[in-house]
């Protein structure tokens, strides 16, 4: 009887360890360094209040979801983003969050604030006009935004089309409401 009791305890402990490891791994992520020196400027004491989600792909020839070709394209236009999320959910860091990334252009927040590059973090999803973000991308985006919210006093999580409705339509083909339901309040 005592032997059976200890076996049951071992099974319960093993079950808890496995489940705790699973939960921890669901929220962990790795960021791949792809730091750029263009389309950005260094800054000190930025007050980040918003995250802006964009879509991007390489339309200059070659693989449309190749991170290096996307970065090359950004270079030609003098733009960047803080992060790019690949189709497989890989998160690439292009600009340190403490610095300004040129991703927002002429735009404004719902409260009327302009000069958004100085107070926002830009995240690009590798998608095209006719493809939706993958489940892996949405998962990585959710984890990344929740992590950013731990470091900054984020008031807004918005689409590029929300801040520049006359100019932009991205992120394309995304279940925005479903994504918002997954981020922490």
Protein backbone atom coordinates (compact mmCIF):
# COMPACT_ATOMS: atom_id res chain seq x y z
CA UNK A 1 0.00 0.00 0.00
CA UNK A 2 2.79 2.45 0.87
CA UNK A 3 4.64 1.46 -2.31
CA UNK A 4 1.52 2.24 -4.42
CA UNK A 5 1.15 5.59 -2.63
CA UNK A 6 4.74 6.60 -3.48
CA UNK A 7 4.32 5.52 -7.11
CA UNK A 8 1.22 7.74 -7.37
CA UNK A 9 3.11 10.67 -5.84
CA UNK A 10 5.96 10.16 -8.32
CA UNK A 11 3.48 10.13 -11.21
CA UNK A 12 1.82 13.34 -10.00
CA UNK A 13 5.19 15.07 -9.52
CA UNK A 14 6.35 13.96 -12.97
CA UNK A 15 3.08 15.20 -14.48
CA UNK A 16 3.52 18.62 -12.81
CA UNK A 17 7.14 18.91 -13.97
CA UNK A 18 6.20 18.10 -17.56
CA UNK A 19 3.30 20.58 -17.55
CA UNK A 20 5.38 23.34 -15.95
CA UNK A 21 8.06 22.86 -18.62
CA UNK A 22 5.43 23.04 -21.36
CA UNK A 23 3.94 26.27 -20.00
CA UNK A 24 7.37 27.84 -19.66
CA UNK A 25 8.38 26.89 -23.21
CA UNK A 26 5.12 28.34 -24.62
CA UNK A 27 6.20 31.81 -23.47
CA UNK A 28 9.91 31.66 -24.20
CA UNK A 29 11.33 32.97 -27.43
CA UNK A 30 14.65 33.63 -29.09
CA UNK A 31 15.50 36.83 -30.89
CA UNK A 32 17.86 36.63 -33.85
CA UNK A 33 20.17 39.64 -34.14
CA UNK A 34 20.03 41.36 -37.54
CA UNK A 35 20.95 44.85 -36.34
CA UNK A 36 20.92 47.52 -39.06
CA UNK A 37 22.60 50.93 -39.18
CA UNK A 38 20.11 52.62 -41.52
CA UNK A 39 16.49 53.65 -41.21
CA UNK A 40 17.00 54.50 -37.56
CA UNK A 41 18.62 56.92 -35.15
CA UNK A 42 19.98 56.51 -31.67
CA UNK A 43 17.95 57.99 -28.87
CA UNK A 44 18.08 58.43 -25.13
CA UNK A 45 15.18 58.12 -22.69
CA UNK A 46 12.48 57.33 -25.25
CA UNK A 47 8.95 57.16 -23.86
CA UNK A 48 7.49 54.22 -25.80
CA UNK A 49 3.69 54.27 -25.65
CA UNK A 50 2.61 52.19 -28.65
CA UNK A 51 3.37 49.10 -30.70
CA UNK A 52 2.63 49.29 -34.42
CA UNK A 53 2.16 46.08 -36.43
CA UNK A 54 3.04 46.10 -40.14
CA UNK A 55 3.32 43.67 -43.05
CA UNK A 56 6.30 43.30 -45.35
CA UNK A 57 7.76 41.07 -48.03
CA UNK A 58 10.56 41.29 -50.56
CA UNK A 59 9.14 42.45 -53.89
CA UNK A 60 12.52 43.17 -55.50
CA UNK A 61 13.21 39.71 -56.92
CA UNK A 62 14.18 36.48 -55.21
CA UNK A 63 12.51 34.75 -52.29
CA UNK A 64 9.77 37.05 -50.98
CA UNK A 65 10.23 35.94 -47.36
CA UNK A 66 14.04 36.03 -47.17
CA UNK A 67 15.00 38.20 -44.20
CA UNK A 68 18.24 39.37 -45.81
CA UNK A 69 16.44 40.46 -48.99
CA UNK A 70 13.80 42.26 -46.92
CA UNK A 71 16.55 44.07 -45.00
CA UNK A 72 18.22 44.99 -48.31
CA UNK A 73 14.90 46.40 -49.52
CA UNK A 74 14.51 48.39 -46.27
CA UNK A 75 18.01 49.78 -46.85
CA UNK A 76 17.06 51.06 -50.32
CA UNK A 77 14.08 52.93 -48.85
CA UNK A 78 15.87 54.13 -45.69
CA UNK A 79 13.35 52.47 -43.38
CA UNK A 80 13.50 49.77 -40.73
CA UNK A 81 11.55 48.20 -37.91
CA UNK A 82 12.48 47.14 -34.43
CA UNK A 83 11.45 43.55 -35.19
CA UNK A 84 10.53 41.35 -38.15
CA UNK A 85 8.70 38.05 -37.62
CA UNK A 86 9.34 35.32 -40.19
CA UNK A 87 6.77 32.89 -41.53
CA UNK A 88 8.06 30.20 -39.14
CA UNK A 89 7.67 32.55 -36.15
CA UNK A 90 11.36 33.52 -35.97
CA UNK A 91 11.81 36.96 -34.43
CA UNK A 92 14.55 39.14 -35.92
CA UNK A 93 15.77 42.28 -34.14
CA UNK A 94 16.82 45.09 -36.48
CA UNK A 95 16.81 48.10 -34.14
CA UNK A 96 17.24 48.16 -30.37
CA UNK A 97 14.04 49.25 -28.60
CA UNK A 98 15.87 52.17 -26.99
CA UNK A 99 16.45 53.66 -30.46
CA UNK A 100 14.11 55.17 -33.04
CA UNK A 101 13.18 53.04 -36.04
CA UNK A 102 11.76 54.72 -39.16
CA UNK A 103 8.64 52.61 -39.63
CA UNK A 104 5.59 54.82 -39.03
CA UNK A 105 5.97 57.63 -41.59
CA UNK A 106 3.37 60.38 -41.62
CA UNK A 107 0.85 59.12 -39.08
CA UNK A 108 -0.95 59.82 -35.81
CA UNK A 109 -2.20 57.99 -32.74
CA UNK A 110 -5.89 57.97 -31.72
CA UNK A 111 -5.04 60.71 -29.19
CA UNK A 112 -3.74 62.94 -32.04
CA UNK A 113 -0.05 62.54 -31.25
CA UNK A 114 2.27 62.67 -34.26
CA UNK A 115 6.02 62.00 -34.73
CA UNK A 116 5.27 58.36 -33.99
CA UNK A 117 8.70 56.92 -34.79
CA UNK A 118 9.95 58.56 -31.60
CA UNK A 119 7.38 56.90 -29.29
CA UNK A 120 6.57 53.53 -30.88
CA UNK A 121 8.00 50.09 -31.51
CA UNK A 122 7.50 48.75 -35.03
CA UNK A 123 6.98 45.05 -35.72
CA UNK A 124 6.83 43.70 -39.28
CA UNK A 125 5.12 40.41 -40.14
CA UNK A 126 6.38 38.68 -43.28
CA UNK A 127 3.13 38.42 -45.24
CA UNK A 128 1.96 39.39 -48.69
CA UNK A 129 -1.21 40.90 -50.11
CA UNK A 130 -2.72 37.46 -50.69
CA UNK A 131 -1.42 35.50 -47.68
CA UNK A 132 -2.36 35.74 -44.03
CA UNK A 133 0.12 35.60 -41.16
CA UNK A 134 0.83 32.03 -40.04
CA UNK A 135 -0.18 30.65 -36.66
CA UNK A 136 3.50 30.67 -35.69
CA UNK A 137 3.74 34.37 -36.53
CA UNK A 138 0.68 35.27 -34.48
CA UNK A 139 2.02 33.21 -31.58
CA UNK A 140 5.41 34.97 -31.74
CA UNK A 141 3.78 38.37 -32.16
CA UNK A 142 1.59 37.78 -29.11
CA UNK A 143 4.53 36.71 -26.95
CA UNK A 144 6.69 39.61 -28.21
CA UNK A 145 4.00 42.26 -27.61
CA UNK A 146 3.28 40.89 -24.13
CA UNK A 147 7.02 41.02 -23.41
CA UNK A 148 7.30 44.61 -24.70
CA UNK A 149 4.38 45.59 -22.47
CA UNK A 150 6.41 44.42 -19.46
CA UNK A 151 9.18 46.91 -20.30
CA UNK A 152 7.18 49.91 -21.52
CA UNK A 153 3.99 51.71 -20.56
CA UNK A 154 2.12 50.72 -23.73
CA UNK A 155 -1.13 52.61 -24.26
CA UNK A 156 -1.84 51.42 -27.81
CA UNK A 157 -1.29 48.29 -29.89
CA UNK A 158 -2.27 49.33 -33.41
CA UNK A 159 -2.07 48.39 -37.05
CA UNK A 160 -0.17 50.51 -39.55
CA UNK A 161 -3.55 51.15 -41.18
CA UNK A 162 -4.86 52.54 -37.87
CA UNK A 163 -2.20 55.26 -37.71
CA UNK A 164 -2.05 56.11 -41.44
CA UNK A 165 -5.50 55.15 -42.81
CA UNK A 166 -5.17 57.25 -45.97
CA UNK A 167 -1.80 55.70 -46.88
CA UNK A 168 -1.56 52.17 -45.50
CA UNK A 169 -3.60 48.95 -45.45
CA UNK A 170 -1.35 46.63 -43.46
CA UNK A 171 -1.09 44.25 -41.72
CA UNK A 172 -2.76 42.30 -44.49
CA UNK A 173 -5.23 39.45 -44.06
CA UNK A 174 -4.83 39.33 -40.29
CA UNK A 175 -7.43 38.37 -37.69
CA UNK A 176 -6.75 41.52 -35.69
CA UNK A 177 -9.49 40.98 -33.10
CA UNK A 178 -8.27 37.42 -32.49
CA UNK A 179 -4.74 38.70 -31.98
CA UNK A 180 -5.86 41.45 -29.58
CA UNK A 181 -7.73 38.85 -27.51
CA UNK A 182 -4.42 37.05 -26.91
CA UNK A 183 -2.39 39.96 -25.60
CA UNK A 184 -2.32 40.91 -21.95
CA UNK A 185 -4.30 43.93 -20.86
